[in-house]
Amino acid sequence: MKFKPVTLVASAFAFAALGACAESEQEAQEDLVEQEYEAQEDVLEEQADLAEAQGDEATEEALDAEADAMGEAGDQAEDQVEEQY
């Protein structure tokens, strides 16, 4: 039996949607917390890169440290979500 590529892609999306529905509330909450902290960490890292490009080493180091702290805070927040369930 041959399937058209469009049919295969549509089927893949349907299965992915079903898988997302099966995701537990805990997993969804963990993913949300992780994404929020990672986004903030990424912004800080980009700001640090900009400071480095501008030759501002002190600001770069401070932003890098803040980004690292944000990553650790994200891990702790994710652990707290796990403990709630």
PDB file of N, CA and C in Angstrom:
ATOM      1  N   MET A   1       0.844  -1.167   0.000  1.00  0.00           N
ATOM      2  CA  MET A   1       0.000   0.000   0.000  1.00  0.00           C
ATOM      3  C   MET A   1       0.892   1.234   0.000  1.00  0.00           C
ATOM      4  N   LYS A   2       0.614   2.186  -0.906  1.00  0.00           N
ATOM      5  CA  LYS A   2       1.403   3.399  -1.000  1.00  0.00           C
ATOM      6  C   LYS A   2       0.634   4.559  -0.381  1.00  0.00           C
ATOM      7  N   PHE A   3       1.365   5.400   0.354  1.00  0.00           N
ATOM      8  CA  PHE A   3       0.774   6.595   0.949  1.00  0.00           C
ATOM      9  C   PHE A   3       1.433   7.815   0.351  1.00  0.00           C
ATOM     10  N   LYS A   4       0.669   8.829   0.178  1.00  0.00           N
ATOM     11  CA  LYS A   4       1.216  10.090  -0.303  1.00  0.00           C
ATOM     12  C   LYS A   4       1.956  10.763   0.844  1.00  0.00           C
ATOM     13  N   PRO A   5       2.989  11.540   0.533  1.00  0.00           N
ATOM     14  CA  PRO A   5       3.742  12.231   1.589  1.00  0.00           C
ATOM     15  C   PRO A   5       2.844  13.097   2.479  1.00  0.00           C
ATOM     16  N   VAL A   6       1.832  13.726   1.910  1.00  0.00           N
ATOM     17  CA  VAL A   6       0.934  14.572   2.703  1.00  0.00           C
ATOM     18  C   VAL A   6       0.200  13.734   3.738  1.00  0.00           C
ATOM     19  N   THR A   7      -0.228  12.562   3.350  1.00  0.00           N
ATOM     20  CA  THR A   7      -0.924  11.666   4.268  1.00  0.00           C
ATOM     21  C   THR A   7       0.000  11.234   5.402  1.00  0.00           C
ATOM     22  N   LEU A   8       1.233  10.918   5.060  1.00  0.00           N
ATOM     23  CA  LEU A   8       2.193  10.512   6.079  1.00  0.00           C
ATOM     24  C   LEU A   8       2.475  11.647   7.063  1.00  0.00           C
ATOM     25  N   VAL A   9       2.629  12.859   6.561  1.00  0.00           N
ATOM     26  CA  VAL A   9       2.887  14.010   7.432  1.00  0.00           C
ATOM     27  C   VAL A   9       1.681  14.270   8.322  1.00  0.00           C
ATOM     28  N   ALA A  10       0.486  14.209   7.754  1.00  0.00           N
ATOM     29  CA  ALA A  10      -0.723  14.426   8.543  1.00  0.00           C
ATOM     30  C   ALA A  10      -0.856  13.363   9.628  1.00  0.00           C
ATOM     31  N   SER A  11      -0.529  12.135   9.301  1.00  0.00           N
ATOM     32  CA  SER A  11      -0.587  11.063  10.289  1.00  0.00           C
ATOM     33  C   SER A  11       0.415  11.294  11.405  1.00  0.00           C
ATOM     34  N   ALA A  12       1.598  11.747  11.060  1.00  0.00           N
ATOM     35  CA  ALA A  12       2.620  12.016  12.072  1.00  0.00           C
ATOM     36  C   ALA A  12       2.150  13.102  13.032  1.00  0.00           C
ATOM     37  N   PHE A  13       1.544  14.156  12.491  1.00  0.00           N
ATOM     38  CA  PHE A  13       1.031  15.228  13.351  1.00  0.00           C
ATOM     39  C   PHE A  13      -0.106  14.720  14.237  1.00  0.00           C
ATOM     40  N   ALA A  14      -0.949  13.875  13.711  1.00  0.00           N
ATOM     41  CA  ALA A  14      -2.055  13.334  14.499  1.00  0.00           C
ATOM     42  C   ALA A  14      -1.534  12.496  15.657  1.00  0.00           C
ATOM     43  N   PHE A  15      -0.540  11.659  15.392  1.00  0.00           N
ATOM     44  CA  PHE A  15       0.040  10.849  16.464  1.00  0.00           C
ATOM     45  C   PHE A  15       0.752  11.716  17.490  1.00  0.00           C
ATOM     46  N   ALA A  16       1.413  12.761  17.033  1.00  0.00           N
ATOM     47  CA  ALA A  16       2.078  13.678  17.965  1.00  0.00           C
ATOM     48  C   ALA A  16       1.053  14.375  18.855  1.00  0.00           C
ATOM     49  N   ALA A  17      -0.054  14.770  18.276  1.00  0.00           N
ATOM     50  CA  ALA A  17      -1.112  15.422  19.061  1.00  0.00           C
ATOM     51  C   ALA A  17      -1.689  14.473  20.091  1.00  0.00           C
ATOM     52  N   LEU A  18      -1.890  13.223  19.699  1.00  0.00           N
ATOM     53  CA  LEU A  18      -2.387  12.234  20.653  1.00  0.00           C
ATOM     54  C   LEU A  18      -1.386  12.004  21.776  1.00  0.00           C
ATOM     55  N   GLY A  19      -0.120  11.998  21.431  1.00  0.00           N
ATOM     56  CA  GLY A  19       0.910  11.839  22.454  1.00  0.00           C
ATOM     57  C   GLY A  19       0.924  13.009  23.406  1.00  0.00           C
ATOM     58  N   ALA A  20       0.715  14.203  22.894  1.00  0.00           N
ATOM     59  CA  ALA A  20       0.685  15.390  23.751  1.00  0.00           C
ATOM     60  C   ALA A  20      -0.495  15.337  24.705  1.00  0.00           C
ATOM     61  N   CYS A  21      -1.609  14.811  24.254  1.00  0.00           N
ATOM     62  CA  CYS A  21      -2.781  14.685  25.126  1.00  0.00           C
ATOM     63  C   CYS A  21      -2.517  13.699  26.252  1.00  0.00           C
ATOM     64  N   ALA A  22      -1.710  12.710  25.980  1.00  0.00           N
ATOM     65  CA  ALA A  22      -1.425  11.697  26.979  1.00  0.00           C
ATOM     66  C   ALA A  22      -0.410  12.171  28.013  1.00  0.00           C
ATOM     67  N   GLU A  23       0.232  13.296  27.747  1.00  0.00           N
ATOM     68  CA  GLU A  23       1.229  13.812  28.668  1.00  0.00           C
ATOM     69  C   GLU A  23       0.569  14.160  30.000  1.00  0.00           C
ATOM     70  N   SER A  24       1.215  13.799  31.058  1.00  0.00           N
ATOM     71  CA  SER A  24       0.638  14.048  32.370  1.00  0.00           C
ATOM     72  C   SER A  24       0.736  15.522  32.736  1.00  0.00           C
ATOM     73  N   GLU A  25      -0.077  15.909  33.688  1.00  0.00           N
ATOM     74  CA  GLU A  25      -0.050  17.295  34.171  1.00  0.00           C
ATOM     75  C   GLU A  25       1.323  17.619  34.742  1.00  0.00           C
ATOM     76  N   GLN A  26       1.921  16.675  35.438  1.00  0.00           N
ATOM     77  CA  GLN A  26       3.242  16.897  36.019  1.00  0.00           C
ATOM     78  C   GLN A  26       4.270  17.172  34.938  1.00  0.00           C
ATOM     79  N   GLU A  27       4.271  16.366  33.891  1.00  0.00           N
ATOM     80  CA  GLU A  27       5.233  16.549  32.809  1.00  0.00           C
ATOM     81  C   GLU A  27       5.037  17.899  32.132  1.00  0.00           C
ATOM     82  N   ALA A  28       3.786  18.277  31.935  1.00  0.00           N
ATOM     83  CA  ALA A  28       3.498  19.561  31.308  1.00  0.00           C
ATOM     84  C   ALA A  28       3.987  20.707  32.176  1.00  0.00           C
ATOM     85  N   GLN A  29       3.766  20.609  33.476  1.00  0.00           N
ATOM     86  CA  GLN A  29       4.205  21.652  34.400  1.00  0.00           C
ATOM     87  C   GLN A  29       5.728  21.728  34.430  1.00  0.00           C
ATOM     88  N   GLU A  30       6.388  20.576  34.451  1.00  0.00           N
ATOM     89  CA  GLU A  30       7.846  20.541  34.431  1.00  0.00           C
ATOM     90  C   GLU A  30       8.388  21.173  33.157  1.00  0.00           C
ATOM     91  N   ASP A  31       7.780  20.845  32.022  1.00  0.00           N
ATOM     92  CA  ASP A  31       8.210  21.410  30.744  1.00  0.00           C
ATOM     93  C   ASP A  31       8.054  22.919  30.727  1.00  0.00           C
ATOM     94  N   LEU A  32       6.945  23.401  31.251  1.00  0.00           N
ATOM     95  CA  LEU A  32       6.695  24.839  31.284  1.00  0.00           C
ATOM     96  C   LEU A  32       7.733  25.554  32.130  1.00  0.00           C
ATOM     97  N   VAL A  33       7.990  25.045  33.315  1.00  0.00           N
ATOM     98  CA  VAL A  33       8.983  25.660  34.203  1.00  0.00           C
ATOM     99  C   VAL A  33      10.353  25.653  33.540  1.00  0.00           C
ATOM    100  N   GLU A  34      10.715  24.519  32.956  1.00  0.00           N
ATOM    101  CA  GLU A  34      12.016  24.393  32.298  1.00  0.00           C
ATOM    102  C   GLU A  34      12.157  25.398  31.152  1.00  0.00           C
ATOM    103  N   GLN A  35      11.129  25.516  30.333  1.00  0.00           N
ATOM    104  CA  GLN A  35      11.182  26.429  29.189  1.00  0.00           C
ATOM    105  C   GLN A  35      11.276  27.887  29.630  1.00  0.00           C
ATOM    106  N   GLU A  36      10.551  28.248  30.691  1.00  0.00           N
ATOM    107  CA  GLU A  36      10.593  29.629  31.169  1.00  0.00           C
ATOM    108  C   GLU A  36      11.994  30.004  31.648  1.00  0.00           C
ATOM    109  N   TYR A  37      12.600  29.139  32.454  1.00  0.00           N
ATOM    110  CA  TYR A  37      13.939  29.433  32.961  1.00  0.00           C
ATOM    111  C   TYR A  37      14.983  29.396  31.848  1.00  0.00           C
ATOM    112  N   GLU A  38      14.854  28.437  30.934  1.00  0.00           N
ATOM    113  CA  GLU A  38      15.807  28.358  29.826  1.00  0.00           C
ATOM    114  C   GLU A  38      15.737  29.599  28.944  1.00  0.00           C
ATOM    115  N   ALA A  39      14.540  30.114  28.730  1.00  0.00           N
ATOM    116  CA  ALA A  39      14.385  31.322  27.911  1.00  0.00           C
ATOM    117  C   ALA A  39      15.087  32.507  28.580  1.00  0.00           C
ATOM    118  N   GLN A  40      14.905  32.639  29.885  1.00  0.00           N
ATOM    119  CA  GLN A  40      15.555  33.740  30.606  1.00  0.00           C
ATOM    120  C   GLN A  40      17.072  33.562  30.589  1.00  0.00           C
ATOM    121  N   GLU A  41      17.515  32.325  30.741  1.00  0.00           N
ATOM    122  CA  GLU A  41      18.948  32.026  30.709  1.00  0.00           C
ATOM    123  C   GLU A  41      19.534  32.364  29.335  1.00  0.00           C
ATOM    124  N   ASP A  42      18.818  32.013  28.277  1.00  0.00           N
ATOM    125  CA  ASP A  42      19.283  32.315  26.917  1.00  0.00           C
ATOM    126  C   ASP A  42      19.419  33.810  26.684  1.00  0.00           C
ATOM    127  N   VAL A  43      18.456  34.590  27.179  1.00  0.00           N
ATOM    128  CA  VAL A  43      18.513  36.044  27.018  1.00  0.00           C
ATOM    129  C   VAL A  43      19.750  36.591  27.720  1.00  0.00           C
ATOM    130  N   LEU A  44      20.001  36.123  28.922  1.00  0.00           N
ATOM    131  CA  LEU A  44      21.175  36.591  29.665  1.00  0.00           C
ATOM    132  C   LEU A  44      22.473  36.217  28.947  1.00  0.00           C
ATOM    133  N   GLU A  45      22.515  35.025  28.390  1.00  0.00           N
ATOM    134  CA  GLU A  45      23.704  34.599  27.652  1.00  0.00           C
ATOM    135  C   GLU A  45      23.929  35.460  26.415  1.00  0.00           C
ATOM    136  N   GLU A  46      22.855  35.805  25.731  1.00  0.00           N
ATOM    137  CA  GLU A  46      22.987  36.673  24.552  1.00  0.00           C
ATOM    138  C   GLU A  46      23.454  38.076  24.955  1.00  0.00           C
ATOM    139  N   GLN A  47      22.944  38.569  26.081  1.00  0.00           N
ATOM    140  CA  GLN A  47      23.394  39.867  26.575  1.00  0.00           C
ATOM    141  C   GLN A  47      24.875  39.818  26.947  1.00  0.00           C
ATOM    142  N   ALA A  48      25.307  38.708  27.505  1.00  0.00           N
ATOM    143  CA  ALA A  48      26.722  38.529  27.839  1.00  0.00           C
ATOM    144  C   ALA A  48      27.571  38.507  26.574  1.00  0.00           C
ATOM    145  N   ASP A  49      27.081  37.837  25.539  1.00  0.00           N
ATOM    146  CA  ASP A  49      27.808  37.816  24.263  1.00  0.00           C
ATOM    147  C   ASP A  49      27.931  39.218  23.679  1.00  0.00           C
ATOM    148  N   LEU A  50      26.870  39.988  23.788  1.00  0.00           N
ATOM    149  CA  LEU A  50      26.905  41.361  23.294  1.00  0.00           C
ATOM    150  C   LEU A  50      27.917  42.189  24.088  1.00  0.00           C
ATOM    151  N   ALA A  51      27.918  42.038  25.395  1.00  0.00           N
ATOM    152  CA  ALA A  51      28.869  42.767  26.234  1.00  0.00           C
ATOM    153  C   ALA A  51      30.302  42.390  25.871  1.00  0.00           C
ATOM    154  N   GLU A  52      30.518  41.115  25.598  1.00  0.00           N
ATOM    155  CA  GLU A  52      31.851  40.655  25.193  1.00  0.00           C
ATOM    156  C   GLU A  52      32.256  41.298  23.870  1.00  0.00           C
ATOM    157  N   ALA A  53      31.334  41.326  22.923  1.00  0.00           N
ATOM    158  CA  ALA A  53      31.618  41.930  21.619  1.00  0.00           C
ATOM    159  C   ALA A  53      31.928  43.411  21.740  1.00  0.00           C
ATOM    160  N   GLN A  54      31.355  44.046  22.756  1.00  0.00           N
ATOM    161  CA  GLN A  54      31.587  45.469  22.980  1.00  0.00           C
ATOM    162  C   GLN A  54      32.820  45.716  23.850  1.00  0.00           C
ATOM    163  N   GLY A  55      33.462  44.640  24.276  1.00  0.00           N
ATOM    164  CA  GLY A  55      34.672  44.756  25.066  1.00  0.00           C
ATOM    165  C   GLY A  55      34.429  45.018  26.548  1.00  0.00           C
ATOM    166  N   ASP A  56      33.223  44.803  27.009  1.00  0.00           N
ATOM    167  CA  ASP A  56      32.868  45.045  28.407  1.00  0.00           C
ATOM    168  C   ASP A  56      32.944  43.727  29.178  1.00  0.00           C
ATOM    169  N   GLU A  57      34.161  43.398  29.592  1.00  0.00           N
ATOM    170  CA  GLU A  57      34.405  42.102  30.226  1.00  0.00           C
ATOM    171  C   GLU A  57      33.694  41.968  31.575  1.00  0.00           C
ATOM    172  N   ALA A  58      33.654  43.023  32.353  1.00  0.00           N
ATOM    173  CA  ALA A  58      33.014  42.956  33.669  1.00  0.00           C
ATOM    174  C   ALA A  58      31.522  42.651  33.536  1.00  0.00           C
ATOM    175  N   THR A  59      30.857  43.317  32.602  1.00  0.00           N
ATOM    176  CA  THR A  59      29.435  43.074  32.386  1.00  0.00           C
ATOM    177  C   THR A  59      29.213  41.667  31.853  1.00  0.00           C
ATOM    178  N   GLU A  60      30.097  41.240  30.954  1.00  0.00           N
ATOM    179  CA  GLU A  60      29.984  39.886  30.406  1.00  0.00           C
ATOM    180  C   GLU A  60      30.060  38.846  31.516  1.00  0.00           C
ATOM    181  N   GLU A  61      31.029  38.978  32.403  1.00  0.00           N
ATOM    182  CA  GLU A  61      31.189  38.015  33.488  1.00  0.00           C
ATOM    183  C   GLU A  61      29.991  38.030  34.431  1.00  0.00           C
ATOM    184  N   ALA A  62      29.480  39.217  34.719  1.00  0.00           N
ATOM    185  CA  ALA A  62      28.312  39.331  35.603  1.00  0.00           C
ATOM    186  C   ALA A  62      27.090  38.668  34.971  1.00  0.00           C
ATOM    187  N   LEU A  63      26.894  38.900  33.673  1.00  0.00           N
ATOM    188  CA  LEU A  63      25.748  38.307  32.979  1.00  0.00           C
ATOM    189  C   LEU A  63      25.898  36.795  32.861  1.00  0.00           C
ATOM    190  N   ASP A  64      27.110  36.327  32.622  1.00  0.00           N
ATOM    191  CA  ASP A  64      27.344  34.880  32.572  1.00  0.00           C
ATOM    192  C   ASP A  64      27.028  34.236  33.920  1.00  0.00           C
ATOM    193  N   ALA A  65      27.444  34.880  34.990  1.00  0.00           N
ATOM    194  CA  ALA A  65      27.158  34.359  36.328  1.00  0.00           C
ATOM    195  C   ALA A  65      25.658  34.350  36.591  1.00  0.00           C
ATOM    196  N   GLU A  66      24.984  35.400  36.157  1.00  0.00           N
ATOM    197  CA  GLU A  66      23.530  35.472  36.329  1.00  0.00           C
ATOM    198  C   GLU A  66      22.835  34.386  35.510  1.00  0.00           C
ATOM    199  N   ALA A  67      23.328  34.135  34.307  1.00  0.00           N
ATOM    200  CA  ALA A  67      22.753  33.081  33.460  1.00  0.00           C
ATOM    201  C   ALA A  67      22.945  31.711  34.108  1.00  0.00           C
ATOM    202  N   ASP A  68      24.138  31.480  34.672  1.00  0.00           N
ATOM    203  CA  ASP A  68      24.387  30.210  35.365  1.00  0.00           C
ATOM    204  C   ASP A  68      23.445  30.050  36.551  1.00  0.00           C
ATOM    205  N   ALA A  69      23.257  31.130  37.294  1.00  0.00           N
ATOM    206  CA  ALA A  69      22.350  31.090  38.442  1.00  0.00           C
ATOM    207  C   ALA A  69      20.914  30.814  37.991  1.00  0.00           C
ATOM    208  N   MET A  70      20.544  31.382  36.861  1.00  0.00           N
ATOM    209  CA  MET A  70      19.196  31.158  36.332  1.00  0.00           C
ATOM    210  C   MET A  70      19.022  29.695  35.948  1.00  0.00           C
ATOM    211  N   GLY A  71      20.052  29.092  35.380  1.00  0.00           N
ATOM    212  CA  GLY A  71      19.993  27.675  35.036  1.00  0.00           C
ATOM    213  C   GLY A  71      19.827  26.806  36.273  1.00  0.00           C
ATOM    214  N   GLU A  72      20.564  27.136  37.326  1.00  0.00           N
ATOM    215  CA  GLU A  72      20.445  26.380  38.574  1.00  0.00           C
ATOM    216  C   GLU A  72      19.073  26.582  39.215  1.00  0.00           C
ATOM    217  N   ALA A  73      18.568  27.807  39.158  1.00  0.00           N
ATOM    218  CA  ALA A  73      17.238  28.092  39.709  1.00  0.00           C
ATOM    219  C   ALA A  73      16.168  27.313  38.944  1.00  0.00           C
ATOM    220  N   GLY A  74      16.354  27.190  37.647  1.00  0.00           N
ATOM    221  CA  GLY A  74      15.420  26.407  36.836  1.00  0.00           C
ATOM    222  C   GLY A  74      15.406  24.948  37.243  1.00  0.00           C
ATOM    223  N   ASP A  75      16.589  24.404  37.503  1.00  0.00           N
ATOM    224  CA  ASP A  75      16.673  23.013  37.949  1.00  0.00           C
ATOM    225  C   ASP A  75      15.967  22.833  39.292  1.00  0.00           C
ATOM    226  N   GLN A  76      16.170  23.786  40.191  1.00  0.00           N
ATOM    227  CA  GLN A  76      15.520  23.710  41.499  1.00  0.00           C
ATOM    228  C   GLN A  76      14.003  23.829  41.371  1.00  0.00           C
ATOM    229  N   ALA A  77      13.547  24.729  40.519  1.00  0.00           N
ATOM    230  CA  ALA A  77      12.105  24.900  40.317  1.00  0.00           C
ATOM    231  C   ALA A  77      11.491  23.636  39.731  1.00  0.00           C
ATOM    232  N   GLU A  78      12.194  23.020  38.810  1.00  0.00           N
ATOM    233  CA  GLU A  78      11.700  21.782  38.212  1.00  0.00           C
ATOM    234  C   GLU A  78      11.619  20.675  39.267  1.00  0.00           C
ATOM    235  N   ASP A  79      12.632  20.619  40.148  1.00  0.00           N
ATOM    236  CA  ASP A  79      12.606  19.647  41.241  1.00  0.00           C
ATOM    237  C   ASP A  79      11.423  19.876  42.167  1.00  0.00           C
ATOM    238  N   GLN A  80      11.107  21.142  42.422  1.00  0.00           N
ATOM    239  CA  GLN A  80       9.958  21.460  43.280  1.00  0.00           C
ATOM    240  C   GLN A  80       8.657  20.990  42.661  1.00  0.00           C
ATOM    241  N   VAL A  81       8.535  21.134  41.349  1.00  0.00           N
ATOM    242  CA  VAL A  81       7.340  20.656  40.665  1.00  0.00           C
ATOM    243  C   VAL A  81       7.226  19.139  40.815  1.00  0.00           C
ATOM    244  N   GLU A  82       8.360  18.449  40.660  1.00  0.00           N
ATOM    245  CA  GLU A  82       8.363  16.999  40.812  1.00  0.00           C
ATOM    246  C   GLU A  82       7.914  16.590  42.213  1.00  0.00           C
ATOM    247  N   GLU A  83       8.343  17.345  43.219  1.00  0.00           N
ATOM    248  CA  GLU A  83       7.981  17.026  44.608  1.00  0.00           C
ATOM    249  C   GLU A  83       6.506  17.232  44.889  1.00  0.00           C
ATOM    250  N   GLN A  84       5.857  18.118  44.124  1.00  0.00           N
ATOM    251  CA  GLN A  84       4.443  18.382  44.325  1.00  0.00           C
ATOM    252  C   GLN A  84       3.585  17.203  43.896  1.00  0.00           C
ATOM    253  N   TYR A  85       4.105  16.389  43.011  1.00  0.00           N
ATOM    254  CA  TYR A  85       3.294  15.287  42.477  1.00  0.00           C
ATOM    255  C   TYR A  85       3.731  13.994  43.054  1.00  0.00           C
TER     256      TYR A  85
END
